[in-house]
Amino acid sequence: GVTVRPAVSVVYGARFRVGGGAWQDVDGTVTIPGPAQ
């Protein structure tokens, strides 16, 4: 008898390179909350 609002947040890991050089890991993550339904 209730309406709930589930959602998912995604945690991204990343790597980067500058000017086409070697890939390096990014220390830390980025968390993005998703919309509830």
All heavy atoms as atom14 arrays in JSON, in Angstrom:
{
  "sequence": "GVTVRPAVSVVYGARFRVGGGAWQDVDGTVTIPGPAQ",
  "atom14_mask": [
    [1, 1, 1, 1, 0, 0, 0, 0, 0, 0, 0, 0, 0, 0],
    [1, 1, 1, 1, 1, 1, 1, 0, 0, 0, 0, 0, 0, 0],
    [1, 1, 1, 1, 1, 1, 1, 0, 0, 0, 0, 0, 0, 0],
    [1, 1, 1, 1, 1, 1, 1, 0, 0, 0, 0, 0, 0, 0],
    [1, 1, 1, 1, 1, 1, 1, 1, 1, 1, 1, 0, 0, 0],
    [1, 1, 1, 1, 1, 1, 1, 0, 0, 0, 0, 0, 0, 0],
    [1, 1, 1, 1, 1, 0, 0, 0, 0, 0, 0, 0, 0, 0],
    [1, 1, 1, 1, 1, 1, 1, 0, 0, 0, 0, 0, 0, 0],
    [1, 1, 1, 1, 1, 1, 0, 0, 0, 0, 0, 0, 0, 0],
    [1, 1, 1, 1, 1, 1, 1, 0, 0, 0, 0, 0, 0, 0],
    [1, 1, 1, 1, 1, 1, 1, 0, 0, 0, 0, 0, 0, 0],
    [1, 1, 1, 1, 1, 1, 1, 1, 1, 1, 1, 1, 0, 0],
    [1, 1, 1, 1, 0, 0, 0, 0, 0, 0, 0, 0, 0, 0],
    [1, 1, 1, 1, 1, 0, 0, 0, 0, 0, 0, 0, 0, 0],
    [1, 1, 1, 1, 1, 1, 1, 1, 1, 1, 1, 0, 0, 0],
    [1, 1, 1, 1, 1, 1, 1, 1, 1, 1, 1, 0, 0, 0],
    [1, 1, 1, 1, 1, 1, 1, 1, 1, 1, 1, 0, 0, 0],
    [1, 1, 1, 1, 1, 1, 1, 0, 0, 0, 0, 0, 0, 0],
    [1, 1, 1, 1, 0, 0, 0, 0, 0, 0, 0, 0, 0, 0],
    [1, 1, 1, 1, 0, 0, 0, 0, 0, 0, 0, 0, 0, 0],
    [1, 1, 1, 1, 0, 0, 0, 0, 0, 0, 0, 0, 0, 0],
    [1, 1, 1, 1, 1, 0, 0, 0, 0, 0, 0, 0, 0, 0],
    [1, 1, 1, 1, 1, 1, 1, 1, 1, 1, 1, 1, 1, 1],
    [1, 1, 1, 1, 1, 1, 1, 1, 1, 0, 0, 0, 0, 0],
    [1, 1, 1, 1, 1, 1, 1, 1, 0, 0, 0, 0, 0, 0],
    [1, 1, 1, 1, 1, 1, 1, 0, 0, 0, 0, 0, 0, 0],
    [1, 1, 1, 1, 1, 1, 1, 1, 0, 0, 0, 0, 0, 0],
    [1, 1, 1, 1, 0, 0, 0, 0, 0, 0, 0, 0, 0, 0],
    [1, 1, 1, 1, 1, 1, 1, 0, 0, 0, 0, 0, 0, 0],
    [1, 1, 1, 1, 1, 1, 1, 0, 0, 0, 0, 0, 0, 0],
    [1, 1, 1, 1, 1, 1, 1, 0, 0, 0, 0, 0, 0, 0],
    [1, 1, 1, 1, 1, 1, 1, 1, 0, 0, 0, 0, 0, 0],
    [1, 1, 1, 1, 1, 1, 1, 0, 0, 0, 0, 0, 0, 0],
    [1, 1, 1, 1, 0, 0, 0, 0, 0, 0, 0, 0, 0, 0],
    [1, 1, 1, 1, 1, 1, 1, 0, 0, 0, 0, 0, 0, 0],
    [1, 1, 1, 1, 1, 0, 0, 0, 0, 0, 0, 0, 0, 0],
    [1, 1, 1, 1, 1, 1, 1, 1, 1, 0, 0, 0, 0, 0]
  ],
  "atom14_positions": [
    [[0.8, -1.22, 0.0], [0.0, 0.0, 0.0], [0.83, 1.27, 0.0], [0.35, 2.31, 0.43], [0.0, 0.0, 0.0], [0.0, 0.0, 0.0], [0.0, 0.0, 0.0], [0.0, 0.0, 0.0], [0.0, 0.0, 0.0], [0.0, 0.0, 0.0], [0.0, 0.0, 0.0], [0.0, 0.0, 0.0], [0.0, 0.0, 0.0], [0.0, 0.0, 0.0]],
    [[2.06, 1.17, -0.48], [2.93, 2.34, -0.53], [3.5, 2.48, -1.94], [3.55, 1.52, -2.7], [4.09, 2.26, 0.49], [3.57, 2.22, 1.91], [4.97, 1.05, 0.22], [0.0, 0.0, 0.0], [0.0, 0.0, 0.0], [0.0, 0.0, 0.0], [0.0, 0.0, 0.0], [0.0, 0.0, 0.0], [0.0, 0.0, 0.0], [0.0, 0.0, 0.0]],
    [[3.93, 3.68, -2.25], [4.69, 3.91, -3.48], [6.1, 4.29, -3.05], [6.29, 5.21, -2.25], [4.06, 5.03, -4.32], [2.75, 4.62, -4.72], [4.89, 5.31, -5.57], [0.0, 0.0, 0.0], [0.0, 0.0, 0.0], [0.0, 0.0, 0.0], [0.0, 0.0, 0.0], [0.0, 0.0, 0.0], [0.0, 0.0, 0.0], [0.0, 0.0, 0.0]],
    [[7.08, 3.54, -3.56], [8.48, 3.81, -3.25], [9.14, 4.4, -4.48], [8.58, 4.38, -5.57], [9.2, 2.5, -2.8], [8.64, 2.01, -1.47], [9.09, 1.42, -3.86], [0.0, 0.0, 0.0], [0.0, 0.0, 0.0], [0.0, 0.0, 0.0], [0.0, 0.0, 0.0], [0.0, 0.0, 0.0], [0.0, 0.0, 0.0], [0.0, 0.0, 0.0]],
    [[10.33, 4.96, -4.3], [11.04, 5.62, -5.4], [12.46, 5.07, -5.5], [13.41, 5.69, -5.04], [11.03, 7.12, -5.19], [9.58, 7.63, -5.11], [9.28, 9.01, -5.55], [10.06, 9.63, -6.54], [9.79, 9.64, -7.86], [8.76, 8.99, -8.32], [10.55, 10.3, -8.7], [0.0, 0.0, 0.0], [0.0, 0.0, 0.0], [0.0, 0.0, 0.0]],
    [[12.62, 3.86, -6.1], [13.97, 3.3, -6.24], [14.82, 4.07, -7.25], [14.29, 4.71, -8.15], [13.7, 1.87, -6.73], [12.35, 1.93, -7.38], [11.58, 2.99, -6.64], [0.0, 0.0, 0.0], [0.0, 0.0, 0.0], [0.0, 0.0, 0.0], [0.0, 0.0, 0.0], [0.0, 0.0, 0.0], [0.0, 0.0, 0.0], [0.0, 0.0, 0.0]],
    [[16.13, 3.97, -7.05], [17.09, 4.64, -7.93], [18.43, 3.92, -7.83], [18.64, 3.11, -6.92], [17.26, 6.1, -7.52], [0.0, 0.0, 0.0], [0.0, 0.0, 0.0], [0.0, 0.0, 0.0], [0.0, 0.0, 0.0], [0.0, 0.0, 0.0], [0.0, 0.0, 0.0], [0.0, 0.0, 0.0], [0.0, 0.0, 0.0], [0.0, 0.0, 0.0]],
    [[19.31, 4.21, -8.74], [20.68, 3.68, -8.69], [21.66, 4.82, -8.93], [21.46, 5.65, -9.82], [20.89, 2.52, -9.7], [20.71, 2.99, -11.13], [22.24, 1.86, -9.49], [0.0, 0.0, 0.0], [0.0, 0.0, 0.0], [0.0, 0.0, 0.0], [0.0, 0.0, 0.0], [0.0, 0.0, 0.0], [0.0, 0.0, 0.0], [0.0, 0.0, 0.0]],
    [[22.69, 4.86, -8.1], [23.8, 5.78, -8.32], [24.95, 4.96, -8.91], [25.17, 3.81, -8.5], [24.27, 6.41, -7.01], [23.27, 7.26, -6.49], [0.0, 0.0, 0.0], [0.0, 0.0, 0.0], [0.0, 0.0, 0.0], [0.0, 0.0, 0.0], [0.0, 0.0, 0.0], [0.0, 0.0, 0.0], [0.0, 0.0, 0.0], [0.0, 0.0, 0.0]],
    [[25.64, 5.53, -9.87], [26.76, 4.82, -10.5], [28.06, 5.48, -10.07], [28.16, 6.7, -9.99], [26.61, 4.78, -12.04], [26.57, 6.17, -12.63], [27.73, 3.97, -12.68], [0.0, 0.0, 0.0], [0.0, 0.0, 0.0], [0.0, 0.0, 0.0], [0.0, 0.0, 0.0], [0.0, 0.0, 0.0], [0.0, 0.0, 0.0], [0.0, 0.0, 0.0]],
    [[29.04, 4.63, -9.77], [30.37, 5.1, -9.4], [31.29, 4.81, -10.58], [31.41, 3.66, -11.01], [30.89, 4.4, -8.13], [32.29, 4.9, -7.78], [29.92, 4.6, -6.97], [0.0, 0.0, 0.0], [0.0, 0.0, 0.0], [0.0, 0.0, 0.0], [0.0, 0.0, 0.0], [0.0, 0.0, 0.0], [0.0, 0.0, 0.0], [0.0, 0.0, 0.0]],
    [[31.88, 5.86, -11.12], [32.78, 5.73, -12.26], [34.24, 5.75, -11.81], [34.61, 6.6, -10.99], [32.6, 6.89, -13.23], [31.33, 6.89, -14.03], [30.19, 7.57, -13.59], [31.26, 6.25, -15.27], [29.02, 7.59, -14.34], [30.1, 6.27, -16.03], [28.98, 6.94, -15.56], [27.84, 6.97, -16.31], [0.0, 0.0, 0.0], [0.0, 0.0, 0.0]],
    [[35.03, 4.87, -12.37], [36.47, 4.96, -12.29], [36.94, 5.5, -13.63], [36.21, 5.43, -14.63], [0.0, 0.0, 0.0], [0.0, 0.0, 0.0], [0.0, 0.0, 0.0], [0.0, 0.0, 0.0], [0.0, 0.0, 0.0], [0.0, 0.0, 0.0], [0.0, 0.0, 0.0], [0.0, 0.0, 0.0], [0.0, 0.0, 0.0], [0.0, 0.0, 0.0]],
    [[38.13, 6.06, -13.7], [38.56, 6.66, -14.96], [40.07, 6.55, -15.15], [40.82, 6.34, -14.21], [38.13, 8.12, -15.02], [0.0, 0.0, 0.0], [0.0, 0.0, 0.0], [0.0, 0.0, 0.0], [0.0, 0.0, 0.0], [0.0, 0.0, 0.0], [0.0, 0.0, 0.0], [0.0, 0.0, 0.0], [0.0, 0.0, 0.0], [0.0, 0.0, 0.0]],
    [[40.43, 6.72, -16.42], [41.84, 6.86, -16.78], [41.91, 7.99, -17.8], [40.91, 8.35, -18.43], [42.42, 5.57, -17.32], [41.86, 5.11, -18.63], [42.44, 3.78, -19.06], [42.12, 3.49, -20.45], [42.83, 2.75, -21.24], [43.94, 2.19, -20.8], [42.47, 2.53, -22.49], [0.0, 0.0, 0.0], [0.0, 0.0, 0.0], [0.0, 0.0, 0.0]],
    [[43.13, 8.55, -17.95], [43.27, 9.69, -18.85], [44.64, 9.66, -19.53], [45.56, 8.97, -19.1], [43.08, 11.01, -18.09], [44.25, 11.37, -17.2], [45.21, 12.28, -17.63], [44.38, 10.81, -15.94], [46.29, 12.62, -16.81], [45.44, 11.14, -15.12], [46.4, 12.04, -15.55], [0.0, 0.0, 0.0], [0.0, 0.0, 0.0], [0.0, 0.0, 0.0]],
    [[44.71, 10.45, -20.6], [46.0, 10.7, -21.24], [46.0, 12.11, -21.79], [44.96, 12.66, -22.16], [46.32, 9.66, -22.31], [45.45, 9.68, -23.52], [45.86, 8.57, -24.46], [44.98, 8.48, -25.61], [45.14, 7.62, -26.57], [46.16, 6.77, -26.54], [44.31, 7.59, -27.59], [0.0, 0.0, 0.0], [0.0, 0.0, 0.0], [0.0, 0.0, 0.0]],
    [[47.19, 12.67, -21.84], [47.38, 14.05, -22.3], [48.09, 14.02, -23.64], [49.15, 13.38, -23.78], [48.19, 14.87, -21.27], [48.4, 16.3, -21.76], [47.52, 14.85, -19.92], [0.0, 0.0, 0.0], [0.0, 0.0, 0.0], [0.0, 0.0, 0.0], [0.0, 0.0, 0.0], [0.0, 0.0, 0.0], [0.0, 0.0, 0.0], [0.0, 0.0, 0.0]],
    [[47.49, 14.68, -24.64], [48.13, 14.79, -25.94], [48.46, 13.46, -26.6], [49.49, 13.35, -27.26], [0.0, 0.0, 0.0], [0.0, 0.0, 0.0], [0.0, 0.0, 0.0], [0.0, 0.0, 0.0], [0.0, 0.0, 0.0], [0.0, 0.0, 0.0], [0.0, 0.0, 0.0], [0.0, 0.0, 0.0], [0.0, 0.0, 0.0], [0.0, 0.0, 0.0]],
    [[47.63, 12.43, -26.39], [47.87, 11.13, -27.01], [48.95, 10.32, -26.34], [49.4, 9.31, -26.88], [0.0, 0.0, 0.0], [0.0, 0.0, 0.0], [0.0, 0.0, 0.0], [0.0, 0.0, 0.0], [0.0, 0.0, 0.0], [0.0, 0.0, 0.0], [0.0, 0.0, 0.0], [0.0, 0.0, 0.0], [0.0, 0.0, 0.0], [0.0, 0.0, 0.0]],
    [[49.4, 10.74, -25.15], [50.46, 10.02, -24.43], [49.96, 8.75, -23.76], [48.9, 8.21, -24.11], [0.0, 0.0, 0.0], [0.0, 0.0, 0.0], [0.0, 0.0, 0.0], [0.0, 0.0, 0.0], [0.0, 0.0, 0.0], [0.0, 0.0, 0.0], [0.0, 0.0, 0.0], [0.0, 0.0, 0.0], [0.0, 0.0, 0.0], [0.0, 0.0, 0.0]],
    [[50.7, 8.28, -22.79], [50.38, 7.05, -22.07], [49.17, 7.26, -21.15], [48.98, 8.34, -20.6], [51.58, 6.59, -21.25], [0.0, 0.0, 0.0], [0.0, 0.0, 0.0], [0.0, 0.0, 0.0], [0.0, 0.0, 0.0], [0.0, 0.0, 0.0], [0.0, 0.0, 0.0], [0.0, 0.0, 0.0], [0.0, 0.0, 0.0], [0.0, 0.0, 0.0]],
    [[48.38, 6.2, -21.01], [47.21, 6.25, -20.12], [47.66, 6.22, -18.68], [48.6, 5.5, -18.32], [46.28, 5.08, -20.39], [45.54, 5.2, -21.69], [45.84, 4.58, -22.88], [44.39, 6.0, -21.95], [44.95, 4.95, -23.85], [44.04, 5.82, -23.31], [43.61, 6.86, -21.18], [42.95, 6.45, -23.9], [42.53, 7.48, -21.76], [42.21, 7.29, -23.11]],
    [[46.97, 7.01, -17.85], [47.2, 7.04, -16.4], [45.87, 6.88, -15.69], [44.85, 7.39, -16.16], [47.81, 8.38, -15.98], [49.12, 8.73, -16.63], [49.56, 10.12, -16.19], [49.69, 10.38, -15.0], [49.77, 11.01, -17.14], [0.0, 0.0, 0.0], [0.0, 0.0, 0.0], [0.0, 0.0, 0.0], [0.0, 0.0, 0.0], [0.0, 0.0, 0.0]],
    [[45.88, 6.18, -14.57], [44.65, 6.03, -13.78], [44.37, 7.31, -13.0], [45.28, 7.97, -12.51], [44.77, 4.86, -12.8], [44.75, 3.51, -13.49], [44.15, 3.41, -14.59], [45.32, 2.55, -12.95], [0.0, 0.0, 0.0], [0.0, 0.0, 0.0], [0.0, 0.0, 0.0], [0.0, 0.0, 0.0], [0.0, 0.0, 0.0], [0.0, 0.0, 0.0]],
    [[43.08, 7.63, -12.9], [42.64, 8.74, -12.05], [42.47, 8.18, -10.64], [41.82, 7.15, -10.45], [41.29, 9.32, -12.56], [40.74, 10.33, -11.57], [41.47, 9.94, -13.93], [0.0, 0.0, 0.0], [0.0, 0.0, 0.0], [0.0, 0.0, 0.0], [0.0, 0.0, 0.0], [0.0, 0.0, 0.0], [0.0, 0.0, 0.0], [0.0, 0.0, 0.0]],
    [[43.1, 8.83, -9.67], [42.92, 8.41, -8.28], [41.59, 8.95, -7.79], [41.34, 10.14, -7.85], [44.05, 8.97, -7.4], [45.42, 8.43, -7.82], [45.48, 7.26, -8.25], [46.4, 9.17, -7.7], [0.0, 0.0, 0.0], [0.0, 0.0, 0.0], [0.0, 0.0, 0.0], [0.0, 0.0, 0.0], [0.0, 0.0, 0.0], [0.0, 0.0, 0.0]],
    [[40.72, 8.06, -7.33], [39.41, 8.48, -6.86], [38.33, 8.14, -7.87], [38.61, 7.63, -8.97], [0.0, 0.0, 0.0], [0.0, 0.0, 0.0], [0.0, 0.0, 0.0], [0.0, 0.0, 0.0], [0.0, 0.0, 0.0], [0.0, 0.0, 0.0], [0.0, 0.0, 0.0], [0.0, 0.0, 0.0], [0.0, 0.0, 0.0], [0.0, 0.0, 0.0]],
    [[37.1, 8.41, -7.5], [35.95, 8.07, -8.34], [34.99, 9.25, -8.42], [35.09, 10.2, -7.65], [35.21, 6.85, -7.77], [34.78, 7.16, -6.44], [36.08, 5.61, -7.75], [0.0, 0.0, 0.0], [0.0, 0.0, 0.0], [0.0, 0.0, 0.0], [0.0, 0.0, 0.0], [0.0, 0.0, 0.0], [0.0, 0.0, 0.0], [0.0, 0.0, 0.0]],
    [[34.06, 9.12, -9.35], [32.99, 10.12, -9.5], [31.68, 9.37, -9.34], [31.42, 8.4, -10.06], [33.05, 10.8, -10.88], [31.89, 11.78, -11.04], [34.39, 11.49, -11.08], [0.0, 0.0, 0.0], [0.0, 0.0, 0.0], [0.0, 0.0, 0.0], [0.0, 0.0, 0.0], [0.0, 0.0, 0.0], [0.0, 0.0, 0.0], [0.0, 0.0, 0.0]],
    [[30.85, 9.8, -8.39], [29.55, 9.17, -8.15], [28.44, 10.06, -8.69], [28.38, 11.24, -8.37], [29.33, 8.92, -6.64], [30.38, 8.08, -6.16], [27.99, 8.25, -6.39], [0.0, 0.0, 0.0], [0.0, 0.0, 0.0], [0.0, 0.0, 0.0], [0.0, 0.0, 0.0], [0.0, 0.0, 0.0], [0.0, 0.0, 0.0], [0.0, 0.0, 0.0]],
    [[27.58, 9.46, -9.52], [26.48, 10.21, -10.13], [25.16, 9.55, -9.73], [24.91, 8.4, -10.09], [26.61, 10.22, -11.68], [27.97, 10.76, -12.12], [25.45, 10.99, -12.3], [28.22, 12.22, -11.78], [0.0, 0.0, 0.0], [0.0, 0.0, 0.0], [0.0, 0.0, 0.0], [0.0, 0.0, 0.0], [0.0, 0.0, 0.0], [0.0, 0.0, 0.0]],
    [[24.32, 10.28, -9.0], [23.01, 9.71, -8.64], [22.08, 9.68, -9.84], [22.07, 10.59, -10.66], [22.49, 10.66, -7.56], [23.25, 11.92, -7.74], [24.54, 11.58, -8.42], [0.0, 0.0, 0.0], [0.0, 0.0, 0.0], [0.0, 0.0, 0.0], [0.0, 0.0, 0.0], [0.0, 0.0, 0.0], [0.0, 0.0, 0.0], [0.0, 0.0, 0.0]],
    [[21.31, 8.61, -9.94], [20.34, 8.47, -11.02], [18.96, 8.92, -10.57], [18.69, 9.03, -9.38], [0.0, 0.0, 0.0], [0.0, 0.0, 0.0], [0.0, 0.0, 0.0], [0.0, 0.0, 0.0], [0.0, 0.0, 0.0], [0.0, 0.0, 0.0], [0.0, 0.0, 0.0], [0.0, 0.0, 0.0], [0.0, 0.0, 0.0], [0.0, 0.0, 0.0]],
    [[18.07, 9.15, -11.52], [16.72, 9.59, -11.19], [15.91, 8.45, -10.58], [16.06, 7.29, -10.97], [16.14, 10.01, -12.54], [16.92, 9.22, -13.55], [18.29, 9.05, -12.96], [0.0, 0.0, 0.0], [0.0, 0.0, 0.0], [0.0, 0.0, 0.0], [0.0, 0.0, 0.0], [0.0, 0.0, 0.0], [0.0, 0.0, 0.0], [0.0, 0.0, 0.0]],
    [[15.06, 8.8, -9.63], [14.18, 7.81, -9.0], [12.94, 7.62, -9.86], [12.55, 8.51, -10.62], [13.79, 8.28, -7.6], [0.0, 0.0, 0.0], [0.0, 0.0, 0.0], [0.0, 0.0, 0.0], [0.0, 0.0, 0.0], [0.0, 0.0, 0.0], [0.0, 0.0, 0.0], [0.0, 0.0, 0.0], [0.0, 0.0, 0.0], [0.0, 0.0, 0.0]],
    [[12.33, 6.46, -9.75], [11.08, 6.21, -10.45], [10.07, 5.65, -9.47], [10.43, 4.99, -8.5], [11.28, 5.28, -11.63], [11.48, 3.81, -11.27], [11.42, 2.93, -12.5], [12.0, 3.24, -13.51], [10.73, 1.83, -12.4], [0.0, 0.0, 0.0], [0.0, 0.0, 0.0], [0.0, 0.0, 0.0], [0.0, 0.0, 0.0], [0.0, 0.0, 0.0]]
  ]
}
